[in-house]
Amino acid sequence: MLIYQCRHCGVEIGRLPKTRDTVKRLGLHDLSLEEQTQMVVEHSGATHIKCICESCEEALVRIPEYHQMERFIQ
C-alpha cells in the first residue's frame, strides 16, 4: 500500500495499491537518494510518502516563516 501523509500535520491524504506499475508511474524511482530519504518511509509493510496537505500548504503561503519548521501544526 502507498500511503500519502502530510509531513507537517500527519493527516492521511490518500492511499493507492502498491504495484510495480503504480510505483513506476508515480516516478518514485526518479527521486534522488536524498529526496527518497526525506519523502519515502517504509513502515509495517506500507510505503508512506510525505507530502503537504491543502491546509498546511495554505498556512505556508500565509506565514512563510513556517518553512523553517519541520512541524508547525500540533
N, C-alpha and C. Protein backbone atom coordinates (compact mmCIF):
# COMPACT_ATOMS: atom_id res chain seq x y z
N MET A 1 0.85 -1.18 0.00
CA MET A 1 0.00 0.00 0.00
C MET A 1 0.90 1.24 0.00
N LEU A 2 0.55 2.22 -0.79
CA LEU A 2 1.20 3.53 -0.79
C LEU A 2 0.30 4.49 -0.04
N ILE A 3 0.83 5.10 1.00
CA ILE A 3 0.03 6.00 1.83
C ILE A 3 0.63 7.40 1.77
N TYR A 4 -0.16 8.33 1.26
CA TYR A 4 0.27 9.73 1.22
C TYR A 4 -0.12 10.38 2.53
N GLN A 5 0.85 11.03 3.18
CA GLN A 5 0.63 11.60 4.50
C GLN A 5 1.31 12.97 4.57
N CYS A 6 0.62 13.94 5.16
CA CYS A 6 1.18 15.28 5.30
C CYS A 6 2.36 15.24 6.27
N ARG A 7 3.46 15.79 5.83
CA ARG A 7 4.66 15.78 6.68
C ARG A 7 4.60 16.79 7.80
N HIS A 8 3.65 17.70 7.77
CA HIS A 8 3.53 18.72 8.81
C HIS A 8 2.50 18.34 9.88
N CYS A 9 1.30 17.96 9.47
CA CYS A 9 0.24 17.68 10.46
C CYS A 9 -0.04 16.18 10.62
N GLY A 10 0.47 15.36 9.71
CA GLY A 10 0.31 13.92 9.83
C GLY A 10 -0.98 13.36 9.27
N VAL A 11 -1.87 14.18 8.73
CA VAL A 11 -3.14 13.69 8.20
C VAL A 11 -2.87 12.80 6.98
N GLU A 12 -3.66 11.74 6.87
CA GLU A 12 -3.56 10.87 5.70
C GLU A 12 -4.31 11.53 4.55
N ILE A 13 -3.64 11.69 3.43
CA ILE A 13 -4.22 12.35 2.27
C ILE A 13 -4.87 11.34 1.32
N GLY A 14 -4.26 10.16 1.21
CA GLY A 14 -4.82 9.15 0.33
C GLY A 14 -4.00 7.88 0.32
N ARG A 15 -4.57 6.83 -0.31
CA ARG A 15 -3.91 5.52 -0.42
C ARG A 15 -4.04 5.01 -1.84
N LEU A 16 -3.01 4.30 -2.26
CA LEU A 16 -3.03 3.62 -3.55
C LEU A 16 -2.49 2.21 -3.35
N PRO A 17 -2.96 1.26 -4.16
CA PRO A 17 -2.37 -0.07 -4.07
C PRO A 17 -0.92 0.00 -4.56
N LYS A 18 -0.05 -0.76 -3.92
CA LYS A 18 1.37 -0.73 -4.28
C LYS A 18 1.63 -1.83 -5.31
N THR A 19 1.70 -1.43 -6.55
CA THR A 19 2.05 -2.35 -7.63
C THR A 19 3.27 -1.79 -8.34
N ARG A 20 3.96 -2.63 -9.05
CA ARG A 20 5.15 -2.17 -9.79
C ARG A 20 4.78 -1.05 -10.75
N ASP A 21 3.63 -1.20 -11.42
CA ASP A 21 3.18 -0.18 -12.37
C ASP A 21 2.87 1.14 -11.68
N THR A 22 2.21 1.08 -10.52
CA THR A 22 1.87 2.30 -9.78
C THR A 22 3.12 3.04 -9.35
N VAL A 23 4.08 2.32 -8.78
CA VAL A 23 5.32 2.94 -8.32
C VAL A 23 6.07 3.56 -9.50
N LYS A 24 6.10 2.86 -10.62
CA LYS A 24 6.79 3.38 -11.82
C LYS A 24 6.10 4.65 -12.33
N ARG A 25 4.77 4.64 -12.40
CA ARG A 25 4.04 5.81 -12.90
C ARG A 25 4.18 7.02 -11.97
N LEU A 26 4.30 6.77 -10.67
CA LEU A 26 4.46 7.88 -9.73
C LEU A 26 5.85 8.52 -9.81
N GLY A 27 6.81 7.78 -10.35
CA GLY A 27 8.15 8.33 -10.52
C GLY A 27 8.99 8.33 -9.25
N LEU A 28 8.64 7.50 -8.28
CA LEU A 28 9.40 7.46 -7.04
C LEU A 28 10.86 7.07 -7.28
N HIS A 29 11.08 6.24 -8.30
CA HIS A 29 12.44 5.82 -8.63
C HIS A 29 13.27 6.96 -9.24
N ASP A 30 12.59 8.02 -9.70
CA ASP A 30 13.30 9.17 -10.28
C ASP A 30 13.81 10.15 -9.22
N LEU A 31 13.37 9.97 -7.97
CA LEU A 31 13.83 10.85 -6.89
C LEU A 31 15.30 10.56 -6.58
N SER A 32 16.03 11.60 -6.20
CA SER A 32 17.41 11.39 -5.76
C SER A 32 17.39 10.61 -4.45
N LEU A 33 18.52 10.06 -4.05
CA LEU A 33 18.60 9.32 -2.80
C LEU A 33 18.22 10.21 -1.63
N GLU A 34 18.65 11.47 -1.66
CA GLU A 34 18.31 12.42 -0.59
C GLU A 34 16.80 12.67 -0.54
N GLU A 35 16.19 12.86 -1.71
CA GLU A 35 14.74 13.08 -1.76
C GLU A 35 13.99 11.85 -1.26
N GLN A 36 14.44 10.67 -1.66
CA GLN A 36 13.80 9.44 -1.20
C GLN A 36 13.90 9.32 0.32
N THR A 37 15.06 9.66 0.87
CA THR A 37 15.25 9.58 2.31
C THR A 37 14.30 10.53 3.04
N GLN A 38 14.08 11.72 2.49
CA GLN A 38 13.23 12.72 3.11
C GLN A 38 11.74 12.45 2.91
N MET A 39 11.37 11.83 1.80
CA MET A 39 9.96 11.74 1.44
C MET A 39 9.34 10.36 1.54
N VAL A 40 10.13 9.30 1.48
CA VAL A 40 9.59 7.95 1.40
C VAL A 40 10.06 7.14 2.61
N VAL A 41 9.09 6.59 3.34
CA VAL A 41 9.40 5.80 4.54
C VAL A 41 8.65 4.47 4.46
N GLU A 42 9.37 3.37 4.62
CA GLU A 42 8.75 2.04 4.68
C GLU A 42 8.40 1.75 6.13
N HIS A 43 7.14 1.38 6.39
CA HIS A 43 6.70 1.12 7.75
C HIS A 43 5.57 0.10 7.74
N SER A 44 5.74 -0.98 8.46
CA SER A 44 4.71 -2.01 8.60
C SER A 44 4.20 -2.53 7.26
N GLY A 45 5.10 -2.71 6.31
CA GLY A 45 4.72 -3.25 5.01
C GLY A 45 4.11 -2.25 4.05
N ALA A 46 3.97 -1.01 4.47
CA ALA A 46 3.42 0.04 3.62
C ALA A 46 4.49 1.07 3.31
N THR A 47 4.33 1.75 2.20
CA THR A 47 5.23 2.84 1.84
C THR A 47 4.52 4.15 2.13
N HIS A 48 5.06 4.93 3.05
CA HIS A 48 4.49 6.24 3.40
C HIS A 48 5.23 7.31 2.62
N ILE A 49 4.47 8.12 1.91
CA ILE A 49 5.05 9.20 1.11
C ILE A 49 4.67 10.52 1.76
N LYS A 50 5.69 11.25 2.19
CA LYS A 50 5.45 12.53 2.86
C LYS A 50 5.23 13.62 1.81
N CYS A 51 4.12 14.33 1.96
CA CYS A 51 3.79 15.44 1.08
C CYS A 51 3.12 16.51 1.93
N ILE A 52 2.42 17.45 1.33
CA ILE A 52 1.81 18.54 2.09
C ILE A 52 0.32 18.59 1.75
N CYS A 53 -0.53 18.60 2.78
CA CYS A 53 -1.97 18.70 2.56
C CYS A 53 -2.35 20.14 2.22
N GLU A 54 -3.57 20.34 1.76
CA GLU A 54 -4.03 21.67 1.35
C GLU A 54 -4.00 22.66 2.51
N SER A 55 -4.41 22.23 3.70
CA SER A 55 -4.45 23.13 4.85
C SER A 55 -3.05 23.65 5.20
N CYS A 56 -2.09 22.74 5.22
CA CYS A 56 -0.71 23.15 5.55
C CYS A 56 -0.11 23.99 4.44
N GLU A 57 -0.45 23.69 3.19
CA GLU A 57 0.04 24.49 2.07
C GLU A 57 -0.49 25.93 2.19
N GLU A 58 -1.75 26.08 2.54
CA GLU A 58 -2.33 27.41 2.72
C GLU A 58 -1.64 28.14 3.87
N ALA A 59 -1.35 27.43 4.96
CA ALA A 59 -0.65 28.04 6.09
C ALA A 59 0.75 28.49 5.68
N LEU A 60 1.44 27.70 4.87
CA LEU A 60 2.78 28.06 4.40
C LEU A 60 2.75 29.31 3.52
N VAL A 61 1.69 29.45 2.74
CA VAL A 61 1.55 30.64 1.89
C VAL A 61 1.29 31.87 2.75
N ARG A 62 0.41 31.72 3.76
CA ARG A 62 0.08 32.87 4.63
C ARG A 62 1.23 33.26 5.55
N ILE A 63 1.97 32.26 6.04
CA ILE A 63 3.03 32.52 7.01
C ILE A 63 4.32 31.83 6.52
N PRO A 64 5.08 32.48 5.67
CA PRO A 64 6.27 31.88 5.08
C PRO A 64 7.32 31.42 6.10
N GLU A 65 7.31 31.97 7.29
CA GLU A 65 8.27 31.56 8.32
C GLU A 65 8.10 30.09 8.70
N TYR A 66 6.93 29.52 8.44
CA TYR A 66 6.69 28.12 8.75
C TYR A 66 7.60 27.18 7.95
N HIS A 67 8.11 27.65 6.81
CA HIS A 67 9.01 26.83 6.01
C HIS A 67 10.24 26.41 6.80
N GLN A 68 10.60 27.15 7.81
CA GLN A 68 11.78 26.85 8.61
C GLN A 68 11.52 25.74 9.63
N MET A 69 10.26 25.37 9.83
CA MET A 69 9.91 24.38 10.86
C MET A 69 9.54 23.05 10.23
N GLU A 70 9.92 21.97 10.89
CA GLU A 70 9.55 20.62 10.45
C GLU A 70 8.04 20.40 10.65
N ARG A 71 7.55 20.72 11.86
CA ARG A 71 6.13 20.60 12.19
C ARG A 71 5.66 21.92 12.79
N PHE A 72 4.72 22.55 12.15
CA PHE A 72 4.21 23.82 12.66
C PHE A 72 2.77 23.70 13.15
N ILE A 73 2.13 22.59 12.89
CA ILE A 73 0.76 22.36 13.35
C ILE A 73 0.82 21.19 14.32
N GLN A 74 0.39 21.41 15.53
CA GLN A 74 0.47 20.36 16.56
C GLN A 74 -0.83 19.63 16.68
